[in-house]
Amino acid sequence: MAAPDVWDEVALVNISCTATGFTAEMNVACLTETINIDMGDKDGESIPSICGGRLWKKTPQADTSITFEGYPIDAGDTDATSPGGLMLHFFGSSDTTQPLSGTNSRARNTYRVTILWTDDSATGTARGTVTTACYALRYDFQNCYFVSCKPSFTDKVLKATWIFKCPAFNKAGTANMTAQSCDATVTLDTI
């Protein structure tokens, strides 16, 4: 099988809350219309020296933002594998029974966000195995914070923009972001 020319139209998106009491790995691909990954810049600036040269001063890598635009249909069952929305997660609430209800809290839970593009139709989740003879590209972001949830009804259709922010490294200096891919000669393992 030949490699795809581009990744288009479909992707798998899984989000999971790492706080106690939240167990579901949520598949939000069917709510999502667009994905935008703004990788944190590894910036710096030059410092002029008195001999006319320049020295490079590095700045720490900026946070990465992962933005989803989608169509919520409910408040978001916090224990569902296919939630109808994400508002209760943004609130830090944990309702899992109908009718769903939650209030805003000071909770700031962390999340793992994984996005997978693949031609393996048997792969059911973004963190799943991609078999040999298939191609895949996967981005995995850990220790993300759910920083923005903006519903709008400006076009007479309820739409929401959800933003997760991921620091480049955790407190111990371990990377929070991973990129993986495979060609048709190897398996991409479950993470």
N, C-alpha and C. Protein backbone atom coordinates (compact mmCIF):
# COMPACT_ATOMS: atom_id res chain seq x y z
N MET A 1 0.84 -1.18 0.00
CA MET A 1 0.00 0.00 0.00
C MET A 1 0.88 1.24 0.00
N ALA A 2 0.53 2.20 -0.82
CA ALA A 2 1.31 3.44 -0.93
C ALA A 2 0.95 4.40 0.20
N ALA A 3 1.90 5.21 0.57
CA ALA A 3 1.66 6.22 1.60
C ALA A 3 0.61 7.21 1.12
N PRO A 4 -0.20 7.73 2.03
CA PRO A 4 -1.20 8.73 1.62
C PRO A 4 -0.50 10.01 1.16
N ASP A 5 -1.12 10.71 0.22
CA ASP A 5 -0.57 11.99 -0.23
C ASP A 5 -0.71 13.05 0.86
N VAL A 6 -1.84 13.04 1.54
CA VAL A 6 -2.13 13.96 2.65
C VAL A 6 -3.02 13.25 3.66
N TRP A 7 -3.05 13.76 4.88
CA TRP A 7 -4.05 13.31 5.85
C TRP A 7 -5.21 14.28 5.71
N ASP A 8 -6.39 13.76 5.37
CA ASP A 8 -7.54 14.64 5.16
C ASP A 8 -8.83 14.05 5.69
N GLU A 9 -9.78 14.90 5.93
CA GLU A 9 -11.16 14.60 6.29
C GLU A 9 -11.39 13.96 7.65
N VAL A 10 -10.65 12.92 8.03
CA VAL A 10 -10.96 12.22 9.28
C VAL A 10 -9.73 12.10 10.18
N ALA A 11 -10.00 12.09 11.48
CA ALA A 11 -8.97 11.87 12.49
C ALA A 11 -9.65 11.27 13.71
N LEU A 12 -8.88 10.64 14.56
CA LEU A 12 -9.38 10.16 15.84
C LEU A 12 -8.86 11.09 16.92
N VAL A 13 -9.74 11.48 17.85
CA VAL A 13 -9.37 12.40 18.92
C VAL A 13 -9.84 11.81 20.24
N ASN A 14 -8.91 11.60 21.16
CA ASN A 14 -9.25 11.11 22.49
C ASN A 14 -8.76 12.09 23.54
N ILE A 15 -9.61 12.34 24.52
CA ILE A 15 -9.28 13.22 25.64
C ILE A 15 -9.61 12.45 26.91
N SER A 16 -8.71 12.47 27.86
CA SER A 16 -9.01 11.84 29.15
C SER A 16 -8.55 12.75 30.27
N CYS A 17 -9.40 12.85 31.30
CA CYS A 17 -9.10 13.63 32.49
C CYS A 17 -8.29 12.74 33.43
N THR A 18 -7.22 13.29 33.97
CA THR A 18 -6.36 12.50 34.84
C THR A 18 -6.72 12.64 36.32
N ALA A 19 -7.78 13.42 36.64
CA ALA A 19 -8.20 13.59 38.03
C ALA A 19 -8.90 12.34 38.54
N THR A 20 -8.86 12.13 39.84
CA THR A 20 -9.53 11.00 40.48
C THR A 20 -11.03 11.07 40.21
N GLY A 21 -11.62 9.94 39.87
CA GLY A 21 -13.05 9.87 39.62
C GLY A 21 -13.43 9.99 38.16
N PHE A 22 -12.51 10.41 37.30
CA PHE A 22 -12.76 10.50 35.87
C PHE A 22 -12.04 9.35 35.20
N THR A 23 -12.80 8.40 34.67
CA THR A 23 -12.17 7.19 34.14
C THR A 23 -12.27 7.05 32.64
N ALA A 24 -13.18 7.75 32.02
CA ALA A 24 -13.44 7.52 30.60
C ALA A 24 -12.38 8.17 29.72
N GLU A 25 -12.02 7.44 28.68
CA GLU A 25 -11.23 8.01 27.59
C GLU A 25 -12.25 8.45 26.56
N MET A 26 -12.41 9.75 26.44
CA MET A 26 -13.49 10.30 25.61
C MET A 26 -13.07 10.41 24.15
N ASN A 27 -13.90 9.89 23.28
CA ASN A 27 -13.71 10.04 21.85
C ASN A 27 -14.56 11.23 21.42
N VAL A 28 -13.92 12.33 21.04
CA VAL A 28 -14.66 13.54 20.69
C VAL A 28 -14.59 13.86 19.19
N ALA A 29 -14.13 12.91 18.39
CA ALA A 29 -13.99 13.15 16.95
C ALA A 29 -15.33 13.49 16.30
N CYS A 30 -16.42 12.84 16.74
CA CYS A 30 -17.72 13.07 16.10
C CYS A 30 -18.35 14.39 16.51
N LEU A 31 -17.83 15.05 17.55
CA LEU A 31 -18.28 16.40 17.91
C LEU A 31 -17.44 17.47 17.22
N THR A 32 -16.27 17.07 16.73
CA THR A 32 -15.25 18.02 16.30
C THR A 32 -15.29 18.28 14.80
N GLU A 33 -15.20 19.57 14.46
CA GLU A 33 -15.11 19.97 13.06
C GLU A 33 -13.68 20.32 12.66
N THR A 34 -12.97 21.03 13.53
CA THR A 34 -11.61 21.44 13.20
C THR A 34 -10.68 21.21 14.39
N ILE A 35 -9.40 21.03 14.07
CA ILE A 35 -8.33 20.88 15.06
C ILE A 35 -7.23 21.85 14.66
N ASN A 36 -6.73 22.60 15.66
CA ASN A 36 -5.61 23.49 15.41
C ASN A 36 -4.59 23.28 16.52
N ILE A 37 -3.38 22.92 16.15
CA ILE A 37 -2.31 22.71 17.13
C ILE A 37 -1.30 23.83 16.95
N ASP A 38 -1.21 24.70 17.95
CA ASP A 38 -0.27 25.80 17.93
C ASP A 38 0.91 25.42 18.81
N MET A 39 1.90 24.74 18.20
CA MET A 39 3.06 24.28 18.97
C MET A 39 3.78 25.47 19.57
N GLY A 40 4.17 25.33 20.83
CA GLY A 40 4.86 26.42 21.51
C GLY A 40 6.19 26.75 20.85
N ASP A 41 6.41 28.02 20.63
CA ASP A 41 7.65 28.47 19.98
C ASP A 41 8.86 28.21 20.86
N LYS A 42 9.97 27.91 20.23
CA LYS A 42 11.27 27.82 20.90
C LYS A 42 12.05 29.07 20.51
N ASP A 43 11.65 30.16 21.10
CA ASP A 43 12.11 31.47 20.67
C ASP A 43 13.38 31.91 21.41
N GLY A 44 13.81 33.06 21.09
CA GLY A 44 14.97 33.68 21.69
C GLY A 44 15.19 35.03 21.05
N GLU A 45 16.27 35.63 21.40
CA GLU A 45 16.61 36.92 20.79
C GLU A 45 18.11 37.09 20.77
N SER A 46 18.57 37.91 19.84
CA SER A 46 20.00 38.15 19.78
C SER A 46 20.36 39.32 20.70
N ILE A 47 21.55 39.23 21.25
CA ILE A 47 22.07 40.28 22.12
C ILE A 47 23.33 40.81 21.44
N PRO A 48 23.34 42.11 21.13
CA PRO A 48 24.53 42.65 20.47
C PRO A 48 25.71 42.73 21.44
N SER A 49 26.85 42.31 20.97
CA SER A 49 28.07 42.45 21.77
C SER A 49 28.81 43.69 21.31
N ILE A 50 29.74 44.17 22.12
CA ILE A 50 30.40 45.43 21.77
C ILE A 50 31.42 45.29 20.64
N CYS A 51 31.65 44.04 20.18
CA CYS A 51 32.53 43.88 19.02
C CYS A 51 31.73 43.85 17.72
N GLY A 52 30.40 44.06 17.82
CA GLY A 52 29.56 44.05 16.64
C GLY A 52 28.93 42.70 16.34
N GLY A 53 29.25 41.70 17.14
CA GLY A 53 28.67 40.38 16.94
C GLY A 53 27.34 40.24 17.66
N ARG A 54 26.79 39.07 17.57
CA ARG A 54 25.51 38.77 18.22
C ARG A 54 25.62 37.46 18.99
N LEU A 55 25.02 37.45 20.17
CA LEU A 55 24.91 36.25 20.99
C LEU A 55 23.44 35.87 21.02
N TRP A 56 23.15 34.59 21.01
CA TRP A 56 21.75 34.14 21.02
C TRP A 56 21.33 33.80 22.44
N LYS A 57 20.29 34.46 22.91
CA LYS A 57 19.73 34.21 24.24
C LYS A 57 18.43 33.45 24.06
N LYS A 58 18.42 32.19 24.53
CA LYS A 58 17.23 31.34 24.40
C LYS A 58 16.18 31.74 25.46
N THR A 59 14.90 31.60 25.07
CA THR A 59 13.82 31.73 26.03
C THR A 59 13.17 30.35 26.15
N PRO A 60 12.57 30.04 27.32
CA PRO A 60 11.94 28.73 27.48
C PRO A 60 10.85 28.52 26.43
N GLN A 61 10.67 27.26 26.04
CA GLN A 61 9.65 26.95 25.05
C GLN A 61 8.28 27.36 25.57
N ALA A 62 7.50 28.00 24.74
CA ALA A 62 6.15 28.45 25.10
C ALA A 62 5.19 27.27 25.18
N ASP A 63 4.06 27.48 25.84
CA ASP A 63 3.02 26.45 25.93
C ASP A 63 2.43 26.17 24.56
N THR A 64 1.99 24.95 24.36
CA THR A 64 1.29 24.55 23.13
C THR A 64 -0.21 24.63 23.39
N SER A 65 -0.95 25.16 22.43
CA SER A 65 -2.41 25.21 22.52
C SER A 65 -3.01 24.26 21.50
N ILE A 66 -3.96 23.43 21.96
CA ILE A 66 -4.69 22.52 21.08
C ILE A 66 -6.13 23.00 21.08
N THR A 67 -6.60 23.46 19.93
CA THR A 67 -7.94 24.06 19.82
C THR A 67 -8.82 23.17 18.96
N PHE A 68 -10.01 22.90 19.50
CA PHE A 68 -11.02 22.13 18.78
C PHE A 68 -12.25 23.02 18.60
N GLU A 69 -12.84 22.97 17.42
CA GLU A 69 -14.15 23.58 17.20
C GLU A 69 -15.12 22.45 16.94
N GLY A 70 -16.26 22.52 17.60
CA GLY A 70 -17.20 21.42 17.44
C GLY A 70 -18.61 21.80 17.81
N TYR A 71 -19.47 20.80 17.85
CA TYR A 71 -20.91 20.99 18.01
C TYR A 71 -21.42 20.19 19.22
N PRO A 72 -21.46 20.83 20.40
CA PRO A 72 -21.96 20.12 21.58
C PRO A 72 -23.47 19.91 21.48
N ILE A 73 -23.94 18.78 22.01
CA ILE A 73 -25.38 18.53 22.04
C ILE A 73 -25.90 18.37 23.46
N ASP A 74 -24.97 18.31 24.45
CA ASP A 74 -25.39 18.31 25.85
C ASP A 74 -24.24 18.87 26.69
N ALA A 75 -24.43 18.87 28.03
CA ALA A 75 -23.43 19.45 28.94
C ALA A 75 -22.16 18.62 29.03
N GLY A 76 -22.24 17.33 28.68
CA GLY A 76 -21.05 16.49 28.66
C GLY A 76 -20.95 15.56 29.84
N ASP A 77 -21.47 14.36 29.71
CA ASP A 77 -21.35 13.32 30.73
C ASP A 77 -19.88 13.08 30.99
N THR A 78 -19.44 13.30 32.22
CA THR A 78 -18.01 13.23 32.52
C THR A 78 -17.46 11.82 32.64
N ASP A 79 -18.30 10.81 32.49
CA ASP A 79 -17.83 9.44 32.51
C ASP A 79 -18.19 8.70 31.22
N ALA A 80 -18.53 9.46 30.19
CA ALA A 80 -18.93 8.85 28.92
C ALA A 80 -17.74 8.72 27.99
N THR A 81 -17.71 7.64 27.22
CA THR A 81 -16.64 7.48 26.24
C THR A 81 -16.91 8.31 24.99
N SER A 82 -18.16 8.68 24.75
CA SER A 82 -18.52 9.57 23.63
C SER A 82 -19.43 10.67 24.17
N PRO A 83 -18.86 11.68 24.86
CA PRO A 83 -19.69 12.71 25.46
C PRO A 83 -20.34 13.59 24.41
N GLY A 84 -21.44 14.23 24.80
CA GLY A 84 -22.13 15.14 23.89
C GLY A 84 -21.64 16.56 24.01
N GLY A 85 -20.66 16.81 24.85
CA GLY A 85 -20.10 18.14 25.04
C GLY A 85 -19.01 18.09 26.09
N LEU A 86 -18.43 19.25 26.39
CA LEU A 86 -17.32 19.29 27.34
C LEU A 86 -17.50 20.33 28.44
N MET A 87 -18.66 20.98 28.54
CA MET A 87 -18.86 22.05 29.51
C MET A 87 -18.63 21.59 30.95
N LEU A 88 -19.14 20.41 31.33
CA LEU A 88 -18.95 19.96 32.71
C LEU A 88 -17.48 19.72 33.03
N HIS A 89 -16.72 19.28 32.05
CA HIS A 89 -15.27 19.13 32.26
C HIS A 89 -14.64 20.49 32.50
N PHE A 90 -15.05 21.48 31.73
CA PHE A 90 -14.50 22.82 31.92
C PHE A 90 -14.85 23.35 33.31
N PHE A 91 -16.06 23.08 33.77
CA PHE A 91 -16.48 23.50 35.10
C PHE A 91 -15.73 22.76 36.21
N GLY A 92 -15.20 21.58 35.91
CA GLY A 92 -14.60 20.75 36.93
C GLY A 92 -15.65 19.93 37.67
N SER A 93 -16.83 19.81 37.08
CA SER A 93 -17.93 19.03 37.67
C SER A 93 -17.77 17.56 37.29
N SER A 94 -18.56 16.71 37.93
CA SER A 94 -18.45 15.28 37.63
C SER A 94 -19.81 14.60 37.69
N ASP A 95 -20.73 15.02 36.85
CA ASP A 95 -22.04 14.38 36.79
C ASP A 95 -22.04 13.32 35.70
N THR A 96 -22.57 12.15 36.03
CA THR A 96 -22.56 11.05 35.06
C THR A 96 -23.96 10.48 34.83
N THR A 97 -24.99 11.07 35.44
CA THR A 97 -26.34 10.55 35.25
C THR A 97 -27.26 11.66 34.74
N GLN A 98 -28.23 11.25 33.96
CA GLN A 98 -29.21 12.19 33.41
C GLN A 98 -30.23 12.57 34.47
N PRO A 99 -30.72 13.79 34.53
CA PRO A 99 -30.27 14.91 33.73
C PRO A 99 -28.90 15.40 34.20
N LEU A 100 -28.06 15.76 33.26
CA LEU A 100 -26.71 16.23 33.58
C LEU A 100 -26.79 17.65 34.14
N SER A 101 -26.02 17.89 35.18
CA SER A 101 -26.00 19.21 35.80
C SER A 101 -24.65 19.42 36.46
N GLY A 102 -24.14 20.63 36.40
CA GLY A 102 -22.87 20.94 37.04
C GLY A 102 -22.74 22.43 37.26
N THR A 103 -21.96 22.79 38.25
CA THR A 103 -21.69 24.19 38.52
C THR A 103 -20.20 24.43 38.39
N ASN A 104 -19.85 25.66 38.13
CA ASN A 104 -18.45 26.02 38.00
C ASN A 104 -17.73 25.79 39.33
N SER A 105 -16.48 25.40 39.28
CA SER A 105 -15.70 25.18 40.50
C SER A 105 -14.29 25.72 40.30
N ARG A 106 -13.50 25.65 41.33
CA ARG A 106 -12.11 26.08 41.23
C ARG A 106 -11.19 24.96 40.76
N ALA A 107 -11.75 23.81 40.46
CA ALA A 107 -10.95 22.65 40.01
C ALA A 107 -10.26 22.97 38.69
N ARG A 108 -9.02 22.62 38.61
CA ARG A 108 -8.22 22.75 37.38
C ARG A 108 -7.60 21.39 37.10
N ASN A 109 -8.38 20.52 36.49
CA ASN A 109 -7.92 19.16 36.21
C ASN A 109 -6.95 19.14 35.03
N THR A 110 -6.12 18.13 35.00
CA THR A 110 -5.23 17.95 33.86
C THR A 110 -5.80 16.87 32.94
N TYR A 111 -5.43 16.97 31.66
CA TYR A 111 -5.97 16.10 30.62
C TYR A 111 -4.84 15.57 29.74
N ARG A 112 -5.13 14.46 29.12
CA ARG A 112 -4.27 13.92 28.07
C ARG A 112 -5.06 14.02 26.77
N VAL A 113 -4.47 14.63 25.76
CA VAL A 113 -5.12 14.83 24.47
C VAL A 113 -4.29 14.10 23.41
N THR A 114 -4.94 13.21 22.67
CA THR A 114 -4.24 12.43 21.65
C THR A 114 -5.00 12.53 20.33
N ILE A 115 -4.28 12.79 19.26
CA ILE A 115 -4.87 12.93 17.92
C ILE A 115 -4.14 11.97 16.98
N LEU A 116 -4.91 11.20 16.22
CA LEU A 116 -4.33 10.20 15.32
C LEU A 116 -4.94 10.32 13.93
N TRP A 117 -4.07 10.37 12.94
CA TRP A 117 -4.49 10.24 11.54
C TRP A 117 -3.94 8.90 11.06
N THR A 118 -4.79 8.10 10.45
CA THR A 118 -4.34 6.79 9.99
C THR A 118 -5.23 6.29 8.85
N ASP A 119 -4.70 5.38 8.07
CA ASP A 119 -5.51 4.70 7.05
C ASP A 119 -5.93 3.31 7.55
N ASP A 120 -5.70 3.02 8.84
CA ASP A 120 -6.11 1.76 9.44
C ASP A 120 -7.53 1.91 9.97
N SER A 121 -8.50 1.39 9.24
CA SER A 121 -9.91 1.53 9.62
C SER A 121 -10.27 0.70 10.85
N ALA A 122 -9.41 -0.23 11.26
CA ALA A 122 -9.69 -1.06 12.44
C ALA A 122 -9.29 -0.37 13.75
N THR A 123 -8.50 0.69 13.66
CA THR A 123 -8.09 1.40 14.87
C THR A 123 -9.26 2.21 15.38
N GLY A 124 -9.68 1.94 16.61
CA GLY A 124 -10.88 2.59 17.16
C GLY A 124 -10.63 3.80 18.02
N THR A 125 -9.40 3.98 18.50
CA THR A 125 -9.11 5.14 19.35
C THR A 125 -7.78 5.76 18.93
N ALA A 126 -7.59 7.00 19.30
CA ALA A 126 -6.36 7.71 18.95
C ALA A 126 -5.14 7.10 19.62
N ARG A 127 -5.35 6.39 20.72
CA ARG A 127 -4.23 5.76 21.42
C ARG A 127 -4.06 4.29 21.05
N GLY A 128 -4.88 3.81 20.14
CA GLY A 128 -4.87 2.40 19.78
C GLY A 128 -3.72 2.01 18.88
N THR A 129 -3.60 0.71 18.67
CA THR A 129 -2.57 0.14 17.80
C THR A 129 -2.92 0.35 16.34
N VAL A 130 -1.93 0.72 15.55
CA VAL A 130 -2.06 0.78 14.10
C VAL A 130 -1.26 -0.39 13.55
N THR A 131 -1.92 -1.24 12.79
CA THR A 131 -1.30 -2.50 12.35
C THR A 131 -0.30 -2.29 11.21
N THR A 132 0.53 -3.30 11.04
CA THR A 132 1.47 -3.32 9.92
C THR A 132 0.67 -3.24 8.62
N ALA A 133 1.20 -2.64 7.63
CA ALA A 133 0.58 -2.41 6.32
C ALA A 133 -0.25 -1.14 6.31
N CYS A 134 -0.22 -0.37 7.40
CA CYS A 134 -0.96 0.90 7.45
C CYS A 134 -0.02 2.03 7.85
N TYR A 135 -0.45 3.23 7.54
CA TYR A 135 0.31 4.44 7.86
C TYR A 135 -0.40 5.19 8.97
N ALA A 136 0.37 5.96 9.75
CA ALA A 136 -0.25 6.74 10.82
C ALA A 136 0.66 7.89 11.25
N LEU A 137 0.02 8.92 11.79
CA LEU A 137 0.70 10.05 12.42
C LEU A 137 -0.08 10.35 13.69
N ARG A 138 0.62 10.36 14.84
CA ARG A 138 -0.06 10.58 16.12
C ARG A 138 0.67 11.65 16.93
N TYR A 139 -0.12 12.56 17.53
CA TYR A 139 0.39 13.55 18.48
C TYR A 139 -0.25 13.25 19.83
N ASP A 140 0.57 13.22 20.86
CA ASP A 140 0.09 12.95 22.22
C ASP A 140 0.57 14.07 23.14
N PHE A 141 -0.37 14.68 23.85
CA PHE A 141 -0.09 15.80 24.75
C PHE A 141 -0.54 15.40 26.15
N GLN A 142 0.37 15.45 27.11
CA GLN A 142 0.03 15.10 28.49
C GLN A 142 0.12 16.32 29.39
N ASN A 143 -0.56 16.24 30.53
CA ASN A 143 -0.57 17.33 31.52
C ASN A 143 -1.11 18.63 30.94
N CYS A 144 -2.15 18.51 30.12
CA CYS A 144 -2.80 19.68 29.53
C CYS A 144 -3.83 20.25 30.51
N TYR A 145 -4.07 21.53 30.40
CA TYR A 145 -5.13 22.18 31.15
C TYR A 145 -6.21 22.62 30.17
N PHE A 146 -7.45 22.43 30.56
CA PHE A 146 -8.61 22.85 29.76
C PHE A 146 -8.83 24.32 30.09
N VAL A 147 -8.34 25.22 29.24
CA VAL A 147 -8.29 26.65 29.58
C VAL A 147 -9.42 27.48 29.00
N SER A 148 -10.14 26.96 28.01
CA SER A 148 -11.18 27.78 27.38
C SER A 148 -12.29 26.92 26.81
N CYS A 149 -13.52 27.35 27.06
CA CYS A 149 -14.72 26.69 26.52
C CYS A 149 -15.67 27.80 26.13
N LYS A 150 -15.81 28.06 24.85
CA LYS A 150 -16.59 29.19 24.38
C LYS A 150 -17.72 28.76 23.43
N PRO A 151 -18.92 28.57 23.98
CA PRO A 151 -20.05 28.27 23.11
C PRO A 151 -20.50 29.52 22.37
N SER A 152 -21.02 29.34 21.16
CA SER A 152 -21.59 30.48 20.41
C SER A 152 -22.75 29.97 19.57
N PHE A 153 -23.66 30.88 19.33
CA PHE A 153 -24.85 30.58 18.53
C PHE A 153 -25.04 31.67 17.46
N THR A 154 -23.92 32.24 17.01
CA THR A 154 -23.97 33.39 16.10
C THR A 154 -24.49 33.04 14.71
N ASP A 155 -24.33 31.82 14.28
CA ASP A 155 -24.80 31.40 12.95
C ASP A 155 -26.08 30.56 13.05
N LYS A 156 -26.77 30.67 14.19
CA LYS A 156 -28.00 29.91 14.46
C LYS A 156 -27.75 28.41 14.54
N VAL A 157 -26.51 28.05 14.85
CA VAL A 157 -26.11 26.67 15.12
C VAL A 157 -25.20 26.73 16.34
N LEU A 158 -25.50 25.91 17.36
CA LEU A 158 -24.65 25.92 18.55
C LEU A 158 -23.31 25.28 18.23
N LYS A 159 -22.28 26.06 18.46
CA LYS A 159 -20.91 25.63 18.19
C LYS A 159 -20.08 26.00 19.42
N ALA A 160 -18.99 25.30 19.64
CA ALA A 160 -18.11 25.63 20.76
C ALA A 160 -16.66 25.55 20.32
N THR A 161 -15.85 26.38 20.95
CA THR A 161 -14.40 26.32 20.77
C THR A 161 -13.81 25.89 22.11
N TRP A 162 -13.04 24.79 22.08
CA TRP A 162 -12.42 24.23 23.28
C TRP A 162 -10.91 24.32 23.12
N ILE A 163 -10.24 24.87 24.13
CA ILE A 163 -8.78 25.01 24.06
C ILE A 163 -8.13 24.33 25.26
N PHE A 164 -7.15 23.48 24.96
CA PHE A 164 -6.32 22.84 25.97
C PHE A 164 -4.91 23.40 25.82
N LYS A 165 -4.26 23.71 26.95
CA LYS A 165 -2.88 24.19 26.91
C LYS A 165 -1.97 23.16 27.55
N CYS A 166 -0.83 22.95 26.90
CA CYS A 166 0.12 21.93 27.32
C CYS A 166 1.50 22.57 27.51
N PRO A 167 2.03 22.53 28.73
CA PRO A 167 3.41 22.99 28.90
C PRO A 167 4.36 22.01 28.21
N ALA A 168 5.49 22.50 27.76
CA ALA A 168 6.44 21.66 27.03
C ALA A 168 6.98 20.52 27.90
N PHE A 169 7.13 20.77 29.19
CA PHE A 169 7.71 19.79 30.10
C PHE A 169 6.95 19.79 31.42
N ASN A 170 7.04 18.69 32.16
CA ASN A 170 6.44 18.66 33.49
C ASN A 170 7.43 19.23 34.50
N LYS A 171 7.06 19.20 35.77
CA LYS A 171 7.88 19.76 36.84
C LYS A 171 9.28 19.15 36.88
N ALA A 172 9.38 17.85 36.57
CA ALA A 172 10.67 17.15 36.61
C ALA A 172 11.49 17.34 35.34
N GLY A 173 10.94 18.04 34.35
CA GLY A 173 11.68 18.26 33.11
C GLY A 173 11.43 17.20 32.06
N THR A 174 10.47 16.29 32.29
CA THR A 174 10.12 15.26 31.32
C THR A 174 9.18 15.83 30.27
N ALA A 175 9.38 15.47 29.03
CA ALA A 175 8.56 16.00 27.93
C ALA A 175 7.09 15.64 28.09
N ASN A 176 6.21 16.59 27.81
CA ASN A 176 4.76 16.37 27.83
C ASN A 176 4.20 16.08 26.44
N MET A 177 5.01 16.23 25.40
CA MET A 177 4.51 16.09 24.03
C MET A 177 5.31 15.03 23.28
N THR A 178 4.57 14.20 22.54
CA THR A 178 5.19 13.14 21.75
C THR A 178 4.58 13.13 20.36
N ALA A 179 5.40 12.97 19.35
CA ALA A 179 4.93 12.77 17.97
C ALA A 179 5.40 11.39 17.54
N GLN A 180 4.50 10.62 16.92
CA GLN A 180 4.83 9.28 16.45
C GLN A 180 4.28 9.10 15.04
N SER A 181 4.93 8.26 14.28
CA SER A 181 4.39 7.89 12.97
C SER A 181 4.92 6.51 12.60
N CYS A 182 4.24 5.89 11.65
CA CYS A 182 4.71 4.61 11.14
C CYS A 182 4.38 4.51 9.66
N ASP A 183 5.25 3.78 8.96
CA ASP A 183 4.94 3.46 7.58
C ASP A 183 4.35 2.05 7.56
N ALA A 184 4.15 1.51 6.42
CA ALA A 184 3.45 0.23 6.29
C ALA A 184 4.32 -0.98 6.64
N THR A 185 5.54 -0.74 7.16
CA THR A 185 6.42 -1.86 7.46
C THR A 185 6.41 -2.26 8.93
N VAL A 186 5.85 -1.43 9.80
CA VAL A 186 5.87 -1.71 11.24
C VAL A 186 4.52 -1.38 11.87
N THR A 187 4.34 -1.83 13.10
CA THR A 187 3.14 -1.53 13.88
C THR A 187 3.41 -0.32 14.77
N LEU A 188 2.41 0.54 14.89
CA LEU A 188 2.47 1.64 15.86
C LEU A 188 1.72 1.16 17.10
N ASP A 189 2.42 1.00 18.21
CA ASP A 189 1.86 0.39 19.40
C ASP A 189 0.88 1.32 20.13
N THR A 190 0.02 0.70 20.92
CA THR A 190 -0.91 1.42 21.78
C THR A 190 -0.12 2.22 22.81
N ILE A 191 -0.61 3.42 23.10
CA ILE A 191 0.02 4.21 24.17
C ILE A 191 -0.98 4.43 25.29
